[in-house]
Full PDB file with SEQRES, HELIX, SHEET, SSBOND, CRYST1, ORIGX, SCALE, CONECT and MASTER records, all heavy atoms in Angstrom:
SEQRES   1 A   44  PRO GLY VAL LEU LEU TYR LEU MET ASP GLN GLY TYR SER          
SEQRES   2 A   44  SER ALA GLN LEU THR GLU MET LEU TYR ARG GLU SER GLY          
SEQRES   3 A   44  LEU LYS GLY LEU SER GLY LEU SER HIS ASP MET ARG THR          
SEQRES   4 A   44  LEU LEU ALA SER ASP                                          
HELIX    1 AA1 GLY A    2  ASP A    9  1                                   8    
HELIX    2 AA2 SER A   14  ARG A   23  1                                  10    
HELIX    3 AA3 GLY A   26  SER A   31  1                                   6    
HELIX    4 AA4 MET A   37  LEU A   41  1                                   5    
CRYST1    1.000    1.000    1.000  90.00  90.00  90.00 P 1           1          
ORIGX1      1.000000  0.000000  0.000000        0.00000                         
ORIGX2      0.000000  1.000000  0.000000        0.00000                         
ORIGX3      0.000000  0.000000  1.000000        0.00000                         
SCALE1      1.000000  0.000000  0.000000        0.00000                         
SCALE2      0.000000  1.000000  0.000000        0.00000                         
SCALE3      0.000000  0.000000  1.000000        0.00000                         
ATOM      1  N   PRO A   1     -11.710  17.927   9.488  1.00  0.00           N  
ATOM      2  CA  PRO A   1     -12.219  16.595   9.823  1.00  0.00           C  
ATOM      3  C   PRO A   1     -12.892  15.900   8.650  1.00  0.00           C  
ATOM      4  O   PRO A   1     -13.008  14.670   8.643  1.00  0.00           O  
ATOM      5  CB  PRO A   1     -13.207  16.854  10.968  1.00  0.00           C  
ATOM      6  CG  PRO A   1     -13.519  18.312  10.900  1.00  0.00           C  
ATOM      7  CD  PRO A   1     -12.300  18.979  10.342  1.00  0.00           C  
ATOM      8  N   GLY A   2     -13.296  16.686   7.646  1.00  0.00           N  
ATOM      9  CA  GLY A   2     -13.862  16.073   6.451  1.00  0.00           C  
ATOM     10  C   GLY A   2     -12.871  15.186   5.725  1.00  0.00           C  
ATOM     11  O   GLY A   2     -13.270  14.226   5.042  1.00  0.00           O  
ATOM     12  N   VAL A   3     -11.580  15.491   5.857  1.00  0.00           N  
ATOM     13  CA  VAL A   3     -10.557  14.632   5.250  1.00  0.00           C  
ATOM     14  C   VAL A   3     -10.621  13.236   5.859  1.00  0.00           C  
ATOM     15  O   VAL A   3     -10.513  12.222   5.158  1.00  0.00           O  
ATOM     16  CB  VAL A   3      -9.155  15.245   5.452  1.00  0.00           C  
ATOM     17  CG1 VAL A   3      -8.070  14.274   4.984  1.00  0.00           C  
ATOM     18  CG2 VAL A   3      -9.029  16.567   4.705  1.00  0.00           C  
ATOM     19  N   LEU A   4     -10.816  13.162   7.179  1.00  0.00           N  
ATOM     20  CA  LEU A   4     -10.883  11.861   7.843  1.00  0.00           C  
ATOM     21  C   LEU A   4     -12.132  11.099   7.425  1.00  0.00           C  
ATOM     22  O   LEU A   4     -12.084   9.878   7.216  1.00  0.00           O  
ATOM     23  CB  LEU A   4     -10.855  12.046   9.354  1.00  0.00           C  
ATOM     24  CG  LEU A   4      -9.636  12.777   9.911  1.00  0.00           C  
ATOM     25  CD1 LEU A   4      -9.713  12.850  11.427  1.00  0.00           C  
ATOM     26  CD2 LEU A   4      -8.349  12.084   9.482  1.00  0.00           C  
ATOM     27  N   LEU A   5     -13.262  11.808   7.284  1.00  0.00           N  
ATOM     28  CA  LEU A   5     -14.479  11.142   6.815  1.00  0.00           C  
ATOM     29  C   LEU A   5     -14.268  10.572   5.415  1.00  0.00           C  
ATOM     30  O   LEU A   5     -14.690   9.446   5.115  1.00  0.00           O  
ATOM     31  CB  LEU A   5     -15.643  12.128   6.822  1.00  0.00           C  
ATOM     32  CG  LEU A   5     -16.044  12.687   8.193  1.00  0.00           C  
ATOM     33  CD1 LEU A   5     -17.158  13.719   8.039  1.00  0.00           C  
ATOM     34  CD2 LEU A   5     -16.480  11.570   9.131  1.00  0.00           C  
ATOM     35  N   TYR A   6     -13.607  11.343   4.564  1.00  0.00           N  
ATOM     36  CA  TYR A   6     -13.318  10.872   3.203  1.00  0.00           C  
ATOM     37  C   TYR A   6     -12.432   9.628   3.232  1.00  0.00           C  
ATOM     38  O   TYR A   6     -12.704   8.639   2.537  1.00  0.00           O  
ATOM     39  CB  TYR A   6     -12.645  11.994   2.413  1.00  0.00           C  
ATOM     40  CG  TYR A   6     -12.040  11.540   1.111  1.00  0.00           C  
ATOM     41  CD1 TYR A   6     -12.830  11.316  -0.013  1.00  0.00           C  
ATOM     42  CD2 TYR A   6     -10.668  11.306   1.007  1.00  0.00           C  
ATOM     43  CE1 TYR A   6     -12.275  10.881  -1.212  1.00  0.00           C  
ATOM     44  CE2 TYR A   6     -10.103  10.869  -0.187  1.00  0.00           C  
ATOM     45  CZ  TYR A   6     -10.905  10.673  -1.288  1.00  0.00           C  
ATOM     46  OH  TYR A   6     -10.346  10.232  -2.466  1.00  0.00           O  
ATOM     47  N   LEU A   7     -11.363   9.671   4.045  1.00  0.00           N  
ATOM     48  CA  LEU A   7     -10.443   8.535   4.101  1.00  0.00           C  
ATOM     49  C   LEU A   7     -11.123   7.296   4.680  1.00  0.00           C  
ATOM     50  O   LEU A   7     -10.853   6.165   4.246  1.00  0.00           O  
ATOM     51  CB  LEU A   7      -9.213   8.903   4.918  1.00  0.00           C  
ATOM     52  CG  LEU A   7      -8.306   9.971   4.296  1.00  0.00           C  
ATOM     53  CD1 LEU A   7      -7.178  10.354   5.253  1.00  0.00           C  
ATOM     54  CD2 LEU A   7      -7.721   9.494   2.965  1.00  0.00           C  
ATOM     55  N   MET A   8     -12.015   7.491   5.639  1.00  0.00           N  
ATOM     56  CA  MET A   8     -12.763   6.355   6.174  1.00  0.00           C  
ATOM     57  C   MET A   8     -13.643   5.741   5.099  1.00  0.00           C  
ATOM     58  O   MET A   8     -13.745   4.508   4.985  1.00  0.00           O  
ATOM     59  CB  MET A   8     -13.594   6.802   7.378  1.00  0.00           C  
ATOM     60  CG  MET A   8     -12.763   7.148   8.608  1.00  0.00           C  
ATOM     61  SD  MET A   8     -13.721   7.969   9.897  1.00  0.00           S  
ATOM     62  CE  MET A   8     -14.867   6.677  10.352  1.00  0.00           C  
ATOM     63  N   ASP A   9     -14.255   6.587   4.277  1.00  0.00           N  
ATOM     64  CA  ASP A   9     -15.063   6.077   3.164  1.00  0.00           C  
ATOM     65  C   ASP A   9     -14.210   5.330   2.148  1.00  0.00           C  
ATOM     66  O   ASP A   9     -14.710   4.451   1.428  1.00  0.00           O  
ATOM     67  CB  ASP A   9     -15.804   7.221   2.463  1.00  0.00           C  
ATOM     68  CG  ASP A   9     -16.964   7.756   3.284  1.00  0.00           C  
ATOM     69  OD1 ASP A   9     -17.423   7.040   4.204  1.00  0.00           O  
ATOM     70  OD2 ASP A   9     -17.420   8.886   3.012  1.00  0.00           O  
ATOM     71  N   GLN A  10     -12.916   5.677   2.087  1.00  0.00           N  
ATOM     72  CA  GLN A  10     -12.001   4.990   1.179  1.00  0.00           C  
ATOM     73  C   GLN A  10     -11.473   3.679   1.765  1.00  0.00           C  
ATOM     74  O   GLN A  10     -10.667   2.999   1.138  1.00  0.00           O  
ATOM     75  CB  GLN A  10     -10.825   5.907   0.834  1.00  0.00           C  
ATOM     76  CG  GLN A  10     -11.203   7.193   0.119  1.00  0.00           C  
ATOM     77  CD  GLN A  10     -11.946   6.927  -1.173  1.00  0.00           C  
ATOM     78  OE1 GLN A  10     -11.459   6.214  -2.044  1.00  0.00           O  
ATOM     79  NE2 GLN A  10     -13.141   7.503  -1.295  1.00  0.00           N  
ATOM     80  N   GLY A  11     -11.891   3.372   2.993  1.00  0.00           N  
ATOM     81  CA  GLY A  11     -11.531   2.097   3.582  1.00  0.00           C  
ATOM     82  C   GLY A  11     -10.455   2.135   4.636  1.00  0.00           C  
ATOM     83  O   GLY A  11     -10.045   1.081   5.140  1.00  0.00           O  
ATOM     84  N   TYR A  12      -9.980   3.329   5.000  1.00  0.00           N  
ATOM     85  CA  TYR A  12      -8.950   3.409   6.042  1.00  0.00           C  
ATOM     86  C   TYR A  12      -9.561   3.070   7.401  1.00  0.00           C  
ATOM     87  O   TYR A  12     -10.634   3.577   7.764  1.00  0.00           O  
ATOM     88  CB  TYR A  12      -8.347   4.804   6.095  1.00  0.00           C  
ATOM     89  CG  TYR A  12      -7.300   5.079   5.051  1.00  0.00           C  
ATOM     90  CD1 TYR A  12      -7.665   5.407   3.746  1.00  0.00           C  
ATOM     91  CD2 TYR A  12      -5.945   5.004   5.352  1.00  0.00           C  
ATOM     92  CE1 TYR A  12      -6.705   5.651   2.765  1.00  0.00           C  
ATOM     93  CE2 TYR A  12      -4.974   5.255   4.390  1.00  0.00           C  
ATOM     94  CZ  TYR A  12      -5.364   5.568   3.101  1.00  0.00           C  
ATOM     95  OH  TYR A  12      -4.412   5.807   2.146  1.00  0.00           O  
ATOM     96  N   SER A  13      -8.863   2.239   8.155  1.00  0.00           N  
ATOM     97  CA  SER A  13      -9.315   1.889   9.497  1.00  0.00           C  
ATOM     98  C   SER A  13      -8.833   2.927  10.499  1.00  0.00           C  
ATOM     99  O   SER A  13      -7.965   3.756  10.197  1.00  0.00           O  
ATOM    100  CB  SER A  13      -8.765   0.518   9.889  1.00  0.00           C  
ATOM    101  OG  SER A  13      -7.346   0.584  10.052  1.00  0.00           O  
ATOM    102  N   SER A  14      -9.377   2.854  11.710  1.00  0.00           N  
ATOM    103  CA  SER A  14      -8.938   3.748  12.778  1.00  0.00           C  
ATOM    104  C   SER A  14      -7.445   3.572  13.040  1.00  0.00           C  
ATOM    105  O   SER A  14      -6.719   4.558  13.228  1.00  0.00           O  
ATOM    106  CB  SER A  14      -9.734   3.467  14.048  1.00  0.00           C  
ATOM    107  OG  SER A  14      -9.219   4.185  15.148  1.00  0.00           O  
ATOM    108  N   ALA A  15      -6.978   2.322  13.053  1.00  0.00           N  
ATOM    109  CA  ALA A  15      -5.558   2.066  13.305  1.00  0.00           C  
ATOM    110  C   ALA A  15      -4.684   2.646  12.198  1.00  0.00           C  
ATOM    111  O   ALA A  15      -3.612   3.202  12.465  1.00  0.00           O  
ATOM    112  CB  ALA A  15      -5.310   0.559  13.432  1.00  0.00           C  
ATOM    113  N   GLN A  16      -5.120   2.531  10.949  1.00  0.00           N  
ATOM    114  CA  GLN A  16      -4.348   3.079   9.833  1.00  0.00           C  
ATOM    115  C   GLN A  16      -4.295   4.607   9.895  1.00  0.00           C  
ATOM    116  O   GLN A  16      -3.252   5.214   9.639  1.00  0.00           O  
ATOM    117  CB  GLN A  16      -4.947   2.625   8.509  1.00  0.00           C  
ATOM    118  CG  GLN A  16      -4.724   1.154   8.196  1.00  0.00           C  
ATOM    119  CD  GLN A  16      -5.490   0.717   6.954  1.00  0.00           C  
ATOM    120  OE1 GLN A  16      -6.665   1.057   6.766  1.00  0.00           O  
ATOM    121  NE2 GLN A  16      -4.815  -0.045   6.100  1.00  0.00           N  
ATOM    122  N   LEU A  17      -5.424   5.226  10.230  1.00  0.00           N  
ATOM    123  CA  LEU A  17      -5.450   6.683  10.346  1.00  0.00           C  
ATOM    124  C   LEU A  17      -4.554   7.148  11.493  1.00  0.00           C  
ATOM    125  O   LEU A  17      -3.834   8.142  11.362  1.00  0.00           O  
ATOM    126  CB  LEU A  17      -6.881   7.172  10.558  1.00  0.00           C  
ATOM    127  CG  LEU A  17      -7.819   7.045   9.367  1.00  0.00           C  
ATOM    128  CD1 LEU A  17      -9.236   7.439   9.760  1.00  0.00           C  
ATOM    129  CD2 LEU A  17      -7.343   7.894   8.190  1.00  0.00           C  
ATOM    130  N   THR A  18      -4.592   6.444  12.610  1.00  0.00           N  
ATOM    131  CA  THR A  18      -3.746   6.801  13.746  1.00  0.00           C  
ATOM    132  C   THR A  18      -2.275   6.748  13.354  1.00  0.00           C  
ATOM    133  O   THR A  18      -1.498   7.669  13.654  1.00  0.00           O  
ATOM    134  CB  THR A  18      -4.013   5.855  14.931  1.00  0.00           C  
ATOM    135  OG1 THR A  18      -5.365   6.018  15.353  1.00  0.00           O  
ATOM    136  CG2 THR A  18      -3.083   6.158  16.094  1.00  0.00           C  
ATOM    137  N   GLU A  19      -1.871   5.676  12.682  1.00  0.00           N  
ATOM    138  CA  GLU A  19      -0.479   5.533  12.247  1.00  0.00           C  
ATOM    139  C   GLU A  19      -0.084   6.667  11.310  1.00  0.00           C  
ATOM    140  O   GLU A  19       0.995   7.251  11.448  1.00  0.00           O  
ATOM    141  CB  GLU A  19      -0.296   4.174  11.555  1.00  0.00           C  
ATOM    142  CG  GLU A  19       1.101   3.915  11.029  1.00  0.00           C  
ATOM    143  CD  GLU A  19       2.138   3.721  12.117  1.00  0.00           C  
ATOM    144  OE1 GLU A  19       1.755   3.428  13.269  1.00  0.00           O  
ATOM    145  OE2 GLU A  19       3.347   3.857  11.824  1.00  0.00           O  
ATOM    146  N   MET A  20      -0.942   6.994  10.369  1.00  0.00           N  
ATOM    147  CA  MET A  20      -0.609   8.037   9.399  1.00  0.00           C  
ATOM    148  C   MET A  20      -0.539   9.413  10.060  1.00  0.00           C  
ATOM    149  O   MET A  20       0.417  10.175   9.845  1.00  0.00           O  
ATOM    150  CB  MET A  20      -1.641   8.070   8.270  1.00  0.00           C  
ATOM    151  CG  MET A  20      -1.361   9.151   7.224  1.00  0.00           C  
ATOM    152  SD  MET A  20      -2.569   9.165   5.900  1.00  0.00           S  
ATOM    153  CE  MET A  20      -4.037   9.730   6.767  1.00  0.00           C  
ATOM    154  N   LEU A  21      -1.534   9.755  10.866  1.00  0.00           N  
ATOM    155  CA  LEU A  21      -1.615  11.095  11.429  1.00  0.00           C  
ATOM    156  C   LEU A  21      -0.528  11.370  12.453  1.00  0.00           C  
ATOM    157  O   LEU A  21      -0.027  12.490  12.550  1.00  0.00           O  
ATOM    158  CB  LEU A  21      -2.985  11.319  12.066  1.00  0.00           C  
ATOM    159  CG  LEU A  21      -4.189  11.252  11.122  1.00  0.00           C  
ATOM    160  CD1 LEU A  21      -5.469  11.423  11.913  1.00  0.00           C  
ATOM    161  CD2 LEU A  21      -4.098  12.295  10.027  1.00  0.00           C  
ATOM    162  N   TYR A  22      -0.148  10.347  13.228  1.00  0.00           N  
ATOM    163  CA  TYR A  22       0.834  10.538  14.291  1.00  0.00           C  
ATOM    164  C   TYR A  22       2.268  10.279  13.839  1.00  0.00           C  
ATOM    165  O   TYR A  22       3.194  10.918  14.344  1.00  0.00           O  
ATOM    166  CB  TYR A  22       0.530   9.614  15.474  1.00  0.00           C  
ATOM    167  CG  TYR A  22      -0.512  10.152  16.428  1.00  0.00           C  
ATOM    168  CD1 TYR A  22      -1.835   9.750  16.333  1.00  0.00           C  
ATOM    169  CD2 TYR A  22      -0.164  11.053  17.423  1.00  0.00           C  
ATOM    170  CE1 TYR A  22      -2.802  10.228  17.217  1.00  0.00           C  
ATOM    171  CE2 TYR A  22      -1.117  11.541  18.318  1.00  0.00           C  
ATOM    172  CZ  TYR A  22      -2.436  11.123  18.202  1.00  0.00           C  
ATOM    173  OH  TYR A  22      -3.373  11.619  19.081  1.00  0.00           O  
ATOM    174  N   ARG A  23       2.464   9.363  12.884  1.00  0.00           N  
ATOM    175  CA  ARG A  23       3.832   8.908  12.610  1.00  0.00           C  
ATOM    176  C   ARG A  23       4.306   9.113  11.173  1.00  0.00           C  
ATOM    177  O   ARG A  23       5.504   9.017  10.920  1.00  0.00           O  
ATOM    178  CB  ARG A  23       3.956   7.427  12.963  1.00  0.00           C  
ATOM    179  CG  ARG A  23       3.740   7.148  14.444  1.00  0.00           C  
ATOM    180  CD  ARG A  23       3.875   5.667  14.769  1.00  0.00           C  
ATOM    181  NE  ARG A  23       3.789   5.440  16.215  1.00  0.00           N  
ATOM    182  CZ  ARG A  23       2.655   5.268  16.873  1.00  0.00           C  
ATOM    183  NH1 ARG A  23       1.510   5.285  16.210  1.00  0.00           N  
ATOM    184  NH2 ARG A  23       2.650   5.071  18.191  1.00  0.00           N  
ATOM    185  N   GLU A  24       3.399   9.421  10.248  1.00  0.00           N  
ATOM    186  CA  GLU A  24       3.799   9.507   8.842  1.00  0.00           C  
ATOM    187  C   GLU A  24       3.481  10.851   8.216  1.00  0.00           C  
ATOM    188  O   GLU A  24       3.660  11.018   7.003  1.00  0.00           O  
ATOM    189  CB  GLU A  24       3.102   8.393   8.036  1.00  0.00           C  
ATOM    190  CG  GLU A  24       3.424   6.983   8.512  1.00  0.00           C  
ATOM    191  CD  GLU A  24       4.893   6.637   8.374  1.00  0.00           C  
ATOM    192  OE1 GLU A  24       5.557   7.209   7.482  1.00  0.00           O  
ATOM    193  OE2 GLU A  24       5.392   5.809   9.173  1.00  0.00           O  
ATOM    194  N   SER A  25       3.045  11.808   8.996  1.00  0.00           N  
ATOM    195  CA  SER A  25       2.610  13.091   8.458  1.00  0.00           C  
ATOM    196  C   SER A  25       3.593  14.202   8.826  1.00  0.00           C  
ATOM    197  O   SER A  25       4.776  13.947   9.010  1.00  0.00           O  
ATOM    198  CB  SER A  25       1.186  13.394   8.951  1.00  0.00           C  
ATOM    199  OG  SER A  25       0.274  12.419   8.492  1.00  0.00           O  
ATOM    200  N   GLY A  26       3.118  15.439   8.946  1.00  0.00           N  
ATOM    201  CA  GLY A  26       3.975  16.549   9.328  1.00  0.00           C  
ATOM    202  C   GLY A  26       5.119  16.768   8.356  1.00  0.00           C  
ATOM    203  O   GLY A  26       4.994  16.574   7.140  1.00  0.00           O  
ATOM    204  N   LEU A  27       6.264  17.185   8.874  1.00  0.00           N  
ATOM    205  CA  LEU A  27       7.437  17.446   8.036  1.00  0.00           C  
ATOM    206  C   LEU A  27       7.885  16.192   7.300  1.00  0.00           C  
ATOM    207  O   LEU A  27       8.290  16.248   6.137  1.00  0.00           O  
ATOM    208  CB  LEU A  27       8.578  17.989   8.900  1.00  0.00           C  
ATOM    209  CG  LEU A  27       8.360  19.372   9.523  1.00  0.00           C  
ATOM    210  CD1 LEU A  27       9.487  19.692  10.501  1.00  0.00           C  
ATOM    211  CD2 LEU A  27       8.244  20.451   8.461  1.00  0.00           C  
ATOM    212  N   LYS A  28       7.800  15.056   7.980  1.00  0.00           N  
ATOM    213  CA  LYS A  28       8.198  13.795   7.349  1.00  0.00           C  
ATOM    214  C   LYS A  28       7.303  13.480   6.163  1.00  0.00           C  
ATOM    215  O   LYS A  28       7.789  13.115   5.077  1.00  0.00           O  
ATOM    216  CB  LYS A  28       8.130  12.665   8.375  1.00  0.00           C  
ATOM    217  CG  LYS A  28       8.473  11.292   7.816  1.00  0.00           C  
ATOM    218  CD  LYS A  28       8.330  10.221   8.890  1.00  0.00           C  
ATOM    219  CE  LYS A  28       8.610   8.832   8.335  1.00  0.00           C  
ATOM    220  NZ  LYS A  28       8.432   7.781   9.392  1.00  0.00           N  
ATOM    221  N   GLY A  29       5.993  13.625   6.341  1.00  0.00           N  
ATOM    222  CA  GLY A  29       5.069  13.305   5.265  1.00  0.00           C  
ATOM    223  C   GLY A  29       5.161  14.264   4.094  1.00  0.00           C  
ATOM    224  O   GLY A  29       5.164  13.852   2.932  1.00  0.00           O  
ATOM    225  N   LEU A  30       5.250  15.562   4.393  1.00  0.00           N  
ATOM    226  CA  LEU A  30       5.303  16.563   3.324  1.00  0.00           C  
ATOM    227  C   LEU A  30       6.599  16.483   2.532  1.00  0.00           C  
ATOM    228  O   LEU A  30       6.599  16.651   1.311  1.00  0.00           O  
ATOM    229  CB  LEU A  30       5.156  17.968   3.917  1.00  0.00           C  
ATOM    230  CG  LEU A  30       3.753  18.382   4.345  1.00  0.00           C  
ATOM    231  CD1 LEU A  30       3.811  19.726   5.078  1.00  0.00           C  
ATOM    232  CD2 LEU A  30       2.826  18.485   3.140  1.00  0.00           C  
ATOM    233  N   SER A  31       7.697  16.234   3.222  1.00  0.00           N  
ATOM    234  CA  SER A  31       8.998  16.222   2.538  1.00  0.00           C  
ATOM    235  C   SER A  31       9.302  14.876   1.883  1.00  0.00           C  
ATOM    236  O   SER A  31      10.049  14.810   0.898  1.00  0.00           O  
ATOM    237  CB  SER A  31      10.119  16.567   3.520  1.00  0.00           C  
ATOM    238  OG  SER A  31      10.321  15.512   4.457  1.00  0.00           O  
ATOM    239  N   GLY A  32       8.745  13.802   2.472  1.00  0.00           N  
ATOM    240  CA  GLY A  32       9.124  12.474   2.014  1.00  0.00           C  
ATOM    241  C   GLY A  32      10.575  12.155   2.317  1.00  0.00           C  
ATOM    242  O   GLY A  32      11.136  11.188   1.793  1.00  0.00           O  
ATOM    243  N   LEU A  33      11.185  12.959   3.181  1.00  0.00           N  
ATOM    244  CA  LEU A  33      12.624  12.852   3.426  1.00  0.00           C  
ATOM    245  C   LEU A  33      12.953  12.600   4.890  1.00  0.00           C  
ATOM    246  O   LEU A  33      13.646  11.646   5.233  1.00  0.00           O  
ATOM    247  CB  LEU A  33      13.316  14.134   2.943  1.00  0.00           C  
ATOM    248  CG  LEU A  33      14.834  14.236   3.103  1.00  0.00           C  
ATOM    249  CD1 LEU A  33      15.516  13.186   2.240  1.00  0.00           C  
ATOM    250  CD2 LEU A  33      15.302  15.657   2.726  1.00  0.00           C  
ATOM    251  N   SER A  34      12.467  13.481   5.776  1.00  0.00           N  
ATOM    252  CA  SER A  34      12.856  13.393   7.177  1.00  0.00           C  
ATOM    253  C   SER A  34      11.911  14.246   8.020  1.00  0.00           C  
ATOM    254  O   SER A  34      11.294  15.194   7.538  1.00  0.00           O  
ATOM    255  CB  SER A  34      14.288  13.903   7.357  1.00  0.00           C  
ATOM    256  OG  SER A  34      14.649  13.939   8.736  1.00  0.00           O  
ATOM    257  N   HIS A  35      11.848  13.883   9.312  1.00  0.00           N  
ATOM    258  CA  HIS A  35      11.130  14.719  10.275  1.00  0.00           C  
ATOM    259  C   HIS A  35      12.059  15.714  10.940  1.00  0.00           C  
ATOM    260  O   HIS A  35      11.599  16.589  11.676  1.00  0.00           O  
ATOM    261  CB  HIS A  35      10.499  13.846  11.364  1.00  0.00           C  
ATOM    262  CG  HIS A  35      11.498  13.227  12.280  1.00  0.00           C  
ATOM    263  ND1 HIS A  35      12.195  12.076  11.967  1.00  0.00           N  
ATOM    264  CD2 HIS A  35      11.957  13.597  13.510  1.00  0.00           C  
ATOM    265  CE1 HIS A  35      13.007  11.771  12.954  1.00  0.00           C  
ATOM    266  NE2 HIS A  35      12.892  12.672  13.910  1.00  0.00           N  
ATOM    267  N   ASP A  36      13.360  15.622  10.683  1.00  0.00           N  
ATOM    268  CA  ASP A  36      14.375  16.421  11.366  1.00  0.00           C  
ATOM    269  C   ASP A  36      14.597  17.736  10.622  1.00  0.00           C  
ATOM    270  O   ASP A  36      14.997  17.739   9.457  1.00  0.00           O  
ATOM    271  CB  ASP A  36      15.677  15.632  11.454  1.00  0.00           C  
ATOM    272  CG  ASP A  36      16.681  16.252  12.419  1.00  0.00           C  
ATOM    273  OD1 ASP A  36      16.892  17.477  12.347  1.00  0.00           O  
ATOM    274  OD2 ASP A  36      17.263  15.512  13.231  1.00  0.00           O  
ATOM    275  N   MET A  37      14.357  18.853  11.309  1.00  0.00           N  
ATOM    276  CA  MET A  37      14.502  20.160  10.668  1.00  0.00           C  
ATOM    277  C   MET A  37      15.922  20.398  10.191  1.00  0.00           C  
ATOM    278  O   MET A  37      16.139  21.066   9.163  1.00  0.00           O  
ATOM    279  CB  MET A  37      14.072  21.261  11.655  1.00  0.00           C  
ATOM    280  CG  MET A  37      14.141  22.669  11.073  1.00  0.00           C  
ATOM    281  SD  MET A  37      13.107  22.906   9.592  1.00  0.00           S  
ATOM    282  CE  MET A  37      11.474  22.918  10.346  1.00  0.00           C  
ATOM    283  N   ARG A  38      16.924  19.889  10.880  1.00  0.00           N  
ATOM    284  CA  ARG A  38      18.307  20.065  10.455  1.00  0.00           C  
ATOM    285  C   ARG A  38      18.537  19.440   9.087  1.00  0.00           C  
ATOM    286  O   ARG A  38      19.200  20.033   8.215  1.00  0.00           O  
ATOM    287  CB  ARG A  38      19.260  19.457  11.488  1.00  0.00           C  
ATOM    288  CG  ARG A  38      19.249  20.166  12.838  1.00  0.00           C  
ATOM    289  CD  ARG A  38      19.947  19.353  13.920  1.00  0.00           C  
ATOM    290  NE  ARG A  38      19.209  18.125  14.224  1.00  0.00           N  
ATOM    291  CZ  ARG A  38      19.494  17.330  15.245  1.00  0.00           C  
ATOM    292  NH1 ARG A  38      20.489  17.625  16.066  1.00  0.00           N  
ATOM    293  NH2 ARG A  38      18.785  16.241  15.478  1.00  0.00           N  
ATOM    294  N   THR A  39      17.978  18.264   8.875  1.00  0.00           N  
ATOM    295  CA  THR A  39      18.112  17.586   7.582  1.00  0.00           C  
ATOM    296  C   THR A  39      17.394  18.372   6.494  1.00  0.00           C  
ATOM    297  O   THR A  39      17.915  18.533   5.378  1.00  0.00           O  
ATOM    298  CB  THR A  39      17.535  16.164   7.667  1.00  0.00           C  
ATOM    299  OG1 THR A  39      18.242  15.432   8.675  1.00  0.00           O  
ATOM    300  CG2 THR A  39      17.645  15.437   6.334  1.00  0.00           C  
ATOM    301  N   LEU A  40      16.214  18.868   6.793  1.00  0.00           N  
ATOM    302  CA  LEU A  40      15.426  19.598   5.789  1.00  0.00           C  
ATOM    303  C   LEU A  40      16.089  20.916   5.412  1.00  0.00           C  
ATOM    304  O   LEU A  40      16.115  21.295   4.235  1.00  0.00           O  
ATOM    305  CB  LEU A  40      14.014  19.835   6.313  1.00  0.00           C  
ATOM    306  CG  LEU A  40      13.197  18.578   6.631  1.00  0.00           C  
ATOM    307  CD1 LEU A  40      11.800  18.961   7.114  1.00  0.00           C  
ATOM    308  CD2 LEU A  40      13.120  17.649   5.438  1.00  0.00           C  
ATOM    309  N   LEU A  41      16.627  21.633   6.399  1.00  0.00           N  
ATOM    310  CA  LEU A  41      17.285  22.901   6.099  1.00  0.00           C  
ATOM    311  C   LEU A  41      18.544  22.702   5.249  1.00  0.00           C  
ATOM    312  O   LEU A  41      18.919  23.583   4.473  1.00  0.00           O  
ATOM    313  CB  LEU A  41      17.645  23.630   7.398  1.00  0.00           C  
ATOM    314  CG  LEU A  41      16.490  24.273   8.153  1.00  0.00           C  
ATOM    315  CD1 LEU A  41      16.940  24.744   9.537  1.00  0.00           C  
ATOM    316  CD2 LEU A  41      15.904  25.450   7.368  1.00  0.00           C  
ATOM    317  N   ALA A  42      19.180  21.552   5.385  1.00  0.00           N  
ATOM    318  CA  ALA A  42      20.399  21.281   4.621  1.00  0.00           C  
ATOM    319  C   ALA A  42      20.108  20.722   3.233  1.00  0.00           C  
ATOM    320  O   ALA A  42      21.033  20.563   2.428  1.00  0.00           O  
ATOM    321  CB  ALA A  42      21.279  20.293   5.389  1.00  0.00           C  
ATOM    322  N   SER A  43      18.849  20.442   2.940  1.00  0.00           N  
ATOM    323  CA  SER A  43      18.492  19.787   1.686  1.00  0.00           C  
ATOM    324  C   SER A  43      18.026  20.800   0.640  1.00  0.00           C  
ATOM    325  O   SER A  43      17.398  21.815   0.976  1.00  0.00           O  
ATOM    326  CB  SER A  43      17.378  18.767   1.929  1.00  0.00           C  
ATOM    327  OG  SER A  43      16.911  18.214   0.720  1.00  0.00           O  
ATOM    328  N   ASP A  44      18.315  20.510  -0.625  1.00  0.00           N  
ATOM    329  CA  ASP A  44      17.772  21.320  -1.721  1.00  0.00           C  
ATOM    330  C   ASP A  44      16.639  20.585  -2.442  1.00  0.00           C  
ATOM    331  O   ASP A  44      16.186  21.021  -3.497  1.00  0.00           O  
ATOM    332  CB  ASP A  44      18.869  21.698  -2.715  1.00  0.00           C  
ATOM    333  CG  ASP A  44      19.581  20.482  -3.311  1.00  0.00           C  
ATOM    334  OD1 ASP A  44      19.186  19.342  -2.998  1.00  0.00           O  
ATOM    335  OD2 ASP A  44      20.540  20.684  -4.092  1.00  0.00           O  
TER     336      ASP A  44                                                      
MASTER        0    0    0    4    0    0    0    6  335    1    0    4          
END                                                                             
């Protein structure tokens, strides 16, 4: 949760954090490619 406190101090709003945490993170965020495991397994 300290990450969220830091990002709030950097000016991120609640709406921006919600969008990032729910829709732009996880496999999609880490890979920068896709949220689909089939796509990731086929990628080098």
